[in-house]
Amino acid sequence: MKILARLPKREIEGADEVLEGLVGEVTSGNQVRVWPAATYVPETNQTRIAFFMEWRLPPTPDDESEVIAYADAMMGKQHDLMTTCKGDPTAEQENVDWLRDGKRPKPRRTN
C-alpha cells in the first residue's frame, strides 16, 4: 500500500484517542482512508485498537487483504476481528460498543 496523504484526527465515539489518519492507495488503484483509534482498559492493562477504514470504491477481497496486511504489520500481530459495513464505520453502533466496552461484535459482511 502506498501512503498518499495524512488526515487530521477526527472524533470517534468510544475512543480515548484517535491518531492522525492516512489516505492509502492499494495495488488496484482503489483508495482508502484509515483512522487508528484506541481505548485503554485499566482493569486488564490493555488497549483496544481499531482501524476505521472508508473506501473510495467498494473494495475487492485483494484490496481488503492488502490494507489488513499493512495494519497487521504495524501492530506486529494478526487482527482479532474484522467487521464491514456500508457508510461510515464510526457510526456503526457495534463498532462503537466494542471500542468503548469490549462487547465483541458478530463478524459480518454487509457489502
N, C-alpha and C. Protein backbone atom coordinates (compact mmCIF):
# COMPACT_ATOMS: atom_id res chain seq x y z
N MET A 1 0.85 -1.17 0.00
CA MET A 1 0.00 0.00 0.00
C MET A 1 0.90 1.23 0.00
N LYS A 2 0.53 2.19 -0.81
CA LYS A 2 1.26 3.45 -0.91
C LYS A 2 0.49 4.53 -0.13
N ILE A 3 1.19 5.24 0.74
CA ILE A 3 0.57 6.32 1.51
C ILE A 3 0.57 7.59 0.67
N LEU A 4 -0.60 8.19 0.49
CA LEU A 4 -0.73 9.39 -0.34
C LEU A 4 -0.80 10.68 0.47
N ALA A 5 -1.41 10.62 1.65
CA ALA A 5 -1.60 11.84 2.43
C ALA A 5 -1.92 11.49 3.88
N ARG A 6 -1.72 12.49 4.75
CA ARG A 6 -2.13 12.37 6.14
C ARG A 6 -3.46 13.09 6.30
N LEU A 7 -4.25 12.60 7.25
CA LEU A 7 -5.54 13.20 7.54
C LEU A 7 -5.55 13.68 8.99
N PRO A 8 -6.28 14.75 9.29
CA PRO A 8 -6.35 15.20 10.68
C PRO A 8 -7.10 14.20 11.54
N LYS A 9 -6.85 14.26 12.84
CA LYS A 9 -7.60 13.43 13.78
C LYS A 9 -9.08 13.74 13.64
N ARG A 10 -9.91 12.79 14.00
CA ARG A 10 -11.35 13.02 13.98
C ARG A 10 -11.97 12.43 15.24
N GLU A 11 -13.15 12.85 15.53
CA GLU A 11 -13.87 12.34 16.70
C GLU A 11 -14.44 10.97 16.37
N ILE A 12 -14.17 9.98 17.22
CA ILE A 12 -14.77 8.66 17.09
C ILE A 12 -15.31 8.28 18.46
N GLU A 13 -16.62 8.15 18.54
CA GLU A 13 -17.26 7.81 19.81
C GLU A 13 -16.69 6.50 20.34
N GLY A 14 -16.43 6.46 21.64
CA GLY A 14 -15.92 5.26 22.27
C GLY A 14 -14.41 5.19 22.33
N ALA A 15 -13.71 6.06 21.60
CA ALA A 15 -12.24 6.04 21.58
C ALA A 15 -11.68 7.03 22.58
N ASP A 16 -10.67 6.60 23.33
CA ASP A 16 -9.95 7.53 24.19
C ASP A 16 -9.06 8.44 23.35
N GLU A 17 -8.52 7.86 22.27
CA GLU A 17 -7.60 8.62 21.42
C GLU A 17 -7.75 8.16 19.98
N VAL A 18 -7.75 9.12 19.07
CA VAL A 18 -7.74 8.83 17.64
C VAL A 18 -6.49 9.48 17.07
N LEU A 19 -5.70 8.70 16.37
CA LEU A 19 -4.46 9.22 15.78
C LEU A 19 -4.76 9.88 14.44
N GLU A 20 -3.75 10.56 13.90
CA GLU A 20 -3.91 11.10 12.56
C GLU A 20 -4.24 9.95 11.61
N GLY A 21 -5.04 10.22 10.63
CA GLY A 21 -5.38 9.22 9.65
C GLY A 21 -4.47 9.30 8.44
N LEU A 22 -4.76 8.46 7.48
CA LEU A 22 -3.98 8.46 6.24
C LEU A 22 -4.87 8.11 5.07
N VAL A 23 -4.44 8.55 3.90
CA VAL A 23 -5.05 8.12 2.66
C VAL A 23 -4.04 7.18 2.02
N GLY A 24 -4.49 5.96 1.72
CA GLY A 24 -3.61 4.98 1.10
C GLY A 24 -4.17 4.53 -0.24
N GLU A 25 -3.27 4.09 -1.10
CA GLU A 25 -3.68 3.54 -2.39
C GLU A 25 -3.16 2.12 -2.49
N VAL A 26 -4.06 1.20 -2.78
CA VAL A 26 -3.67 -0.20 -2.91
C VAL A 26 -3.30 -0.50 -4.36
N THR A 27 -2.79 -1.68 -4.61
CA THR A 27 -2.28 -2.06 -5.92
C THR A 27 -3.29 -1.86 -7.04
N SER A 28 -4.57 -2.08 -6.76
CA SER A 28 -5.62 -1.94 -7.78
C SER A 28 -5.87 -0.48 -8.17
N GLY A 29 -5.36 0.46 -7.37
CA GLY A 29 -5.64 1.87 -7.60
C GLY A 29 -6.74 2.42 -6.70
N ASN A 30 -7.47 1.54 -6.03
CA ASN A 30 -8.50 1.98 -5.10
C ASN A 30 -7.83 2.71 -3.93
N GLN A 31 -8.56 3.64 -3.34
CA GLN A 31 -8.02 4.41 -2.23
C GLN A 31 -8.86 4.18 -0.98
N VAL A 32 -8.18 4.29 0.16
CA VAL A 32 -8.82 4.06 1.45
C VAL A 32 -8.36 5.12 2.43
N ARG A 33 -9.29 5.58 3.24
CA ARG A 33 -8.94 6.48 4.36
C ARG A 33 -8.97 5.64 5.62
N VAL A 34 -7.94 5.79 6.45
CA VAL A 34 -7.79 4.95 7.66
C VAL A 34 -7.55 5.85 8.86
N TRP A 35 -8.30 5.60 9.95
CA TRP A 35 -8.05 6.28 11.22
C TRP A 35 -7.86 5.23 12.30
N PRO A 36 -6.68 5.18 12.93
CA PRO A 36 -6.48 4.29 14.08
C PRO A 36 -7.09 4.94 15.33
N ALA A 37 -7.82 4.15 16.10
CA ALA A 37 -8.44 4.62 17.33
C ALA A 37 -8.13 3.64 18.45
N ALA A 38 -7.98 4.16 19.67
CA ALA A 38 -7.60 3.31 20.80
C ALA A 38 -8.39 3.69 22.05
N THR A 39 -8.65 2.66 22.85
CA THR A 39 -9.26 2.83 24.17
C THR A 39 -8.47 2.00 25.16
N TYR A 40 -8.01 2.64 26.23
CA TYR A 40 -7.25 1.95 27.27
C TYR A 40 -8.21 1.29 28.24
N VAL A 41 -7.88 0.05 28.63
CA VAL A 41 -8.71 -0.73 29.56
C VAL A 41 -7.89 -0.96 30.84
N PRO A 42 -8.08 -0.11 31.88
CA PRO A 42 -7.24 -0.21 33.08
C PRO A 42 -7.37 -1.55 33.81
N GLU A 43 -8.56 -2.16 33.79
CA GLU A 43 -8.76 -3.42 34.52
C GLU A 43 -7.84 -4.53 34.02
N THR A 44 -7.54 -4.53 32.75
CA THR A 44 -6.69 -5.58 32.17
C THR A 44 -5.34 -5.05 31.73
N ASN A 45 -5.11 -3.74 31.93
CA ASN A 45 -3.88 -3.10 31.50
C ASN A 45 -3.62 -3.36 30.01
N GLN A 46 -4.67 -3.25 29.22
CA GLN A 46 -4.60 -3.47 27.79
C GLN A 46 -5.24 -2.30 27.05
N THR A 47 -4.98 -2.25 25.76
CA THR A 47 -5.57 -1.23 24.91
C THR A 47 -6.27 -1.90 23.75
N ARG A 48 -7.54 -1.52 23.52
CA ARG A 48 -8.26 -1.97 22.33
C ARG A 48 -7.95 -0.99 21.21
N ILE A 49 -7.52 -1.50 20.07
CA ILE A 49 -7.15 -0.65 18.94
C ILE A 49 -7.99 -1.07 17.73
N ALA A 50 -8.55 -0.08 17.07
CA ALA A 50 -9.35 -0.33 15.87
C ALA A 50 -8.83 0.55 14.74
N PHE A 51 -8.88 0.02 13.54
CA PHE A 51 -8.55 0.78 12.35
C PHE A 51 -9.85 0.97 11.58
N PHE A 52 -10.36 2.20 11.57
CA PHE A 52 -11.59 2.52 10.86
C PHE A 52 -11.22 2.90 9.43
N MET A 53 -11.81 2.21 8.46
CA MET A 53 -11.44 2.39 7.05
C MET A 53 -12.66 2.77 6.24
N GLU A 54 -12.48 3.74 5.36
CA GLU A 54 -13.51 4.15 4.41
C GLU A 54 -12.90 4.09 3.01
N TRP A 55 -13.54 3.34 2.13
CA TRP A 55 -13.03 3.12 0.78
C TRP A 55 -13.64 4.10 -0.21
N ARG A 56 -12.85 4.50 -1.22
CA ARG A 56 -13.35 5.36 -2.30
C ARG A 56 -14.33 4.57 -3.17
N LEU A 57 -13.93 3.35 -3.55
CA LEU A 57 -14.77 2.44 -4.32
C LEU A 57 -14.96 1.17 -3.50
N PRO A 58 -16.01 0.41 -3.73
CA PRO A 58 -16.14 -0.85 -2.99
C PRO A 58 -14.87 -1.69 -3.15
N PRO A 59 -14.30 -2.15 -2.04
CA PRO A 59 -13.04 -2.88 -2.13
C PRO A 59 -13.23 -4.31 -2.61
N THR A 60 -12.23 -4.80 -3.33
CA THR A 60 -12.19 -6.21 -3.69
C THR A 60 -11.59 -6.95 -2.49
N PRO A 61 -11.71 -8.28 -2.45
CA PRO A 61 -11.03 -9.03 -1.39
C PRO A 61 -9.51 -8.76 -1.37
N ASP A 62 -8.90 -8.59 -2.55
CA ASP A 62 -7.46 -8.28 -2.59
C ASP A 62 -7.17 -6.91 -2.00
N ASP A 63 -8.05 -5.92 -2.27
CA ASP A 63 -7.88 -4.59 -1.67
C ASP A 63 -7.90 -4.69 -0.15
N GLU A 64 -8.91 -5.37 0.37
CA GLU A 64 -9.03 -5.52 1.82
C GLU A 64 -7.83 -6.25 2.40
N SER A 65 -7.42 -7.33 1.75
CA SER A 65 -6.27 -8.10 2.24
C SER A 65 -5.01 -7.26 2.31
N GLU A 66 -4.81 -6.40 1.31
CA GLU A 66 -3.61 -5.56 1.29
C GLU A 66 -3.60 -4.58 2.46
N VAL A 67 -4.73 -3.95 2.74
CA VAL A 67 -4.78 -2.98 3.84
C VAL A 67 -4.71 -3.70 5.19
N ILE A 68 -5.36 -4.83 5.30
CA ILE A 68 -5.30 -5.60 6.55
C ILE A 68 -3.88 -6.06 6.82
N ALA A 69 -3.17 -6.51 5.80
CA ALA A 69 -1.77 -6.92 5.98
C ALA A 69 -0.92 -5.74 6.44
N TYR A 70 -1.19 -4.55 5.91
CA TYR A 70 -0.47 -3.34 6.32
C TYR A 70 -0.74 -3.05 7.80
N ALA A 71 -2.02 -3.09 8.20
CA ALA A 71 -2.38 -2.82 9.60
C ALA A 71 -1.80 -3.88 10.53
N ASP A 72 -1.88 -5.15 10.14
CA ASP A 72 -1.31 -6.23 10.95
C ASP A 72 0.19 -6.03 11.13
N ALA A 73 0.88 -5.62 10.07
CA ALA A 73 2.33 -5.38 10.16
C ALA A 73 2.63 -4.22 11.12
N MET A 74 1.79 -3.18 11.10
CA MET A 74 2.00 -2.06 12.03
C MET A 74 1.82 -2.52 13.48
N MET A 75 0.88 -3.42 13.70
CA MET A 75 0.60 -3.90 15.05
C MET A 75 1.56 -5.00 15.49
N GLY A 76 2.23 -5.65 14.53
CA GLY A 76 3.13 -6.75 14.86
C GLY A 76 2.40 -8.03 15.20
N LYS A 77 1.12 -8.11 14.82
CA LYS A 77 0.34 -9.33 15.06
C LYS A 77 -0.88 -9.31 14.17
N GLN A 78 -1.52 -10.47 14.03
CA GLN A 78 -2.72 -10.56 13.22
C GLN A 78 -3.91 -9.98 13.99
N HIS A 79 -4.83 -9.38 13.26
CA HIS A 79 -6.02 -8.78 13.88
C HIS A 79 -6.88 -9.86 14.54
N ASP A 80 -7.65 -9.44 15.54
CA ASP A 80 -8.52 -10.37 16.27
C ASP A 80 -9.89 -10.51 15.62
N LEU A 81 -10.39 -9.43 15.03
CA LEU A 81 -11.70 -9.47 14.40
C LEU A 81 -11.79 -8.41 13.34
N MET A 82 -12.75 -8.59 12.44
CA MET A 82 -12.99 -7.61 11.39
C MET A 82 -14.48 -7.58 11.10
N THR A 83 -15.02 -6.38 10.96
CA THR A 83 -16.39 -6.21 10.54
C THR A 83 -16.40 -5.24 9.36
N THR A 84 -17.38 -5.35 8.52
CA THR A 84 -17.53 -4.40 7.42
C THR A 84 -18.96 -3.87 7.45
N CYS A 85 -19.14 -2.70 6.90
CA CYS A 85 -20.46 -2.09 6.83
C CYS A 85 -20.49 -1.11 5.67
N LYS A 86 -21.68 -0.71 5.31
CA LYS A 86 -21.83 0.35 4.32
C LYS A 86 -21.85 1.67 5.07
N GLY A 87 -21.30 2.69 4.47
CA GLY A 87 -21.31 4.00 5.10
C GLY A 87 -20.17 4.18 6.09
N ASP A 88 -20.34 5.09 7.00
CA ASP A 88 -19.30 5.47 7.97
C ASP A 88 -19.15 4.39 9.04
N PRO A 89 -17.98 3.74 9.11
CA PRO A 89 -17.81 2.67 10.11
C PRO A 89 -17.81 3.19 11.54
N THR A 90 -17.52 4.49 11.73
CA THR A 90 -17.52 5.04 13.09
C THR A 90 -18.93 5.27 13.59
N ALA A 91 -19.93 5.17 12.72
CA ALA A 91 -21.32 5.35 13.13
C ALA A 91 -22.01 4.01 13.37
N GLU A 92 -21.33 2.93 13.12
CA GLU A 92 -21.88 1.58 13.33
C GLU A 92 -21.84 1.28 14.83
N GLN A 93 -22.99 1.15 15.47
CA GLN A 93 -23.07 1.06 16.93
C GLN A 93 -22.27 -0.11 17.50
N GLU A 94 -22.27 -1.26 16.84
CA GLU A 94 -21.49 -2.41 17.35
C GLU A 94 -20.00 -2.09 17.39
N ASN A 95 -19.49 -1.34 16.40
CA ASN A 95 -18.08 -0.96 16.41
C ASN A 95 -17.78 -0.03 17.59
N VAL A 96 -18.67 0.93 17.81
CA VAL A 96 -18.50 1.87 18.92
C VAL A 96 -18.56 1.13 20.26
N ASP A 97 -19.52 0.20 20.40
CA ASP A 97 -19.64 -0.56 21.65
C ASP A 97 -18.38 -1.37 21.92
N TRP A 98 -17.82 -2.00 20.89
CA TRP A 98 -16.59 -2.78 21.09
C TRP A 98 -15.45 -1.88 21.53
N LEU A 99 -15.30 -0.75 20.90
CA LEU A 99 -14.22 0.16 21.27
C LEU A 99 -14.40 0.67 22.69
N ARG A 100 -15.65 1.00 23.06
CA ARG A 100 -15.92 1.56 24.38
C ARG A 100 -15.85 0.52 25.49
N ASP A 101 -16.52 -0.63 25.32
CA ASP A 101 -16.65 -1.54 26.45
C ASP A 101 -16.21 -2.98 26.18
N GLY A 102 -15.69 -3.25 24.99
CA GLY A 102 -15.17 -4.58 24.70
C GLY A 102 -16.22 -5.59 24.27
N LYS A 103 -17.47 -5.16 24.10
CA LYS A 103 -18.53 -6.07 23.65
C LYS A 103 -18.25 -6.42 22.19
N ARG A 104 -17.81 -7.64 21.98
CA ARG A 104 -17.36 -8.09 20.66
C ARG A 104 -18.52 -8.17 19.67
N PRO A 105 -18.41 -7.47 18.52
CA PRO A 105 -19.48 -7.57 17.52
C PRO A 105 -19.43 -8.92 16.81
N LYS A 106 -20.56 -9.31 16.26
CA LYS A 106 -20.60 -10.53 15.47
C LYS A 106 -19.90 -10.25 14.14
N PRO A 107 -19.03 -11.14 13.69
CA PRO A 107 -18.42 -10.94 12.37
C PRO A 107 -19.52 -10.90 11.31
N ARG A 108 -19.44 -9.93 10.42
CA ARG A 108 -20.47 -9.80 9.39
C ARG A 108 -19.91 -9.08 8.18
N ARG A 109 -20.56 -9.25 7.09
CA ARG A 109 -20.24 -8.53 5.86
C ARG A 109 -21.56 -8.01 5.32
N THR A 110 -21.63 -6.72 5.07
CA THR A 110 -22.87 -6.14 4.56
C THR A 110 -22.64 -5.43 3.24
N ASN A 111 -21.55 -5.70 2.58
CA ASN A 111 -21.28 -5.05 1.28
C ASN A 111 -22.14 -5.64 0.20
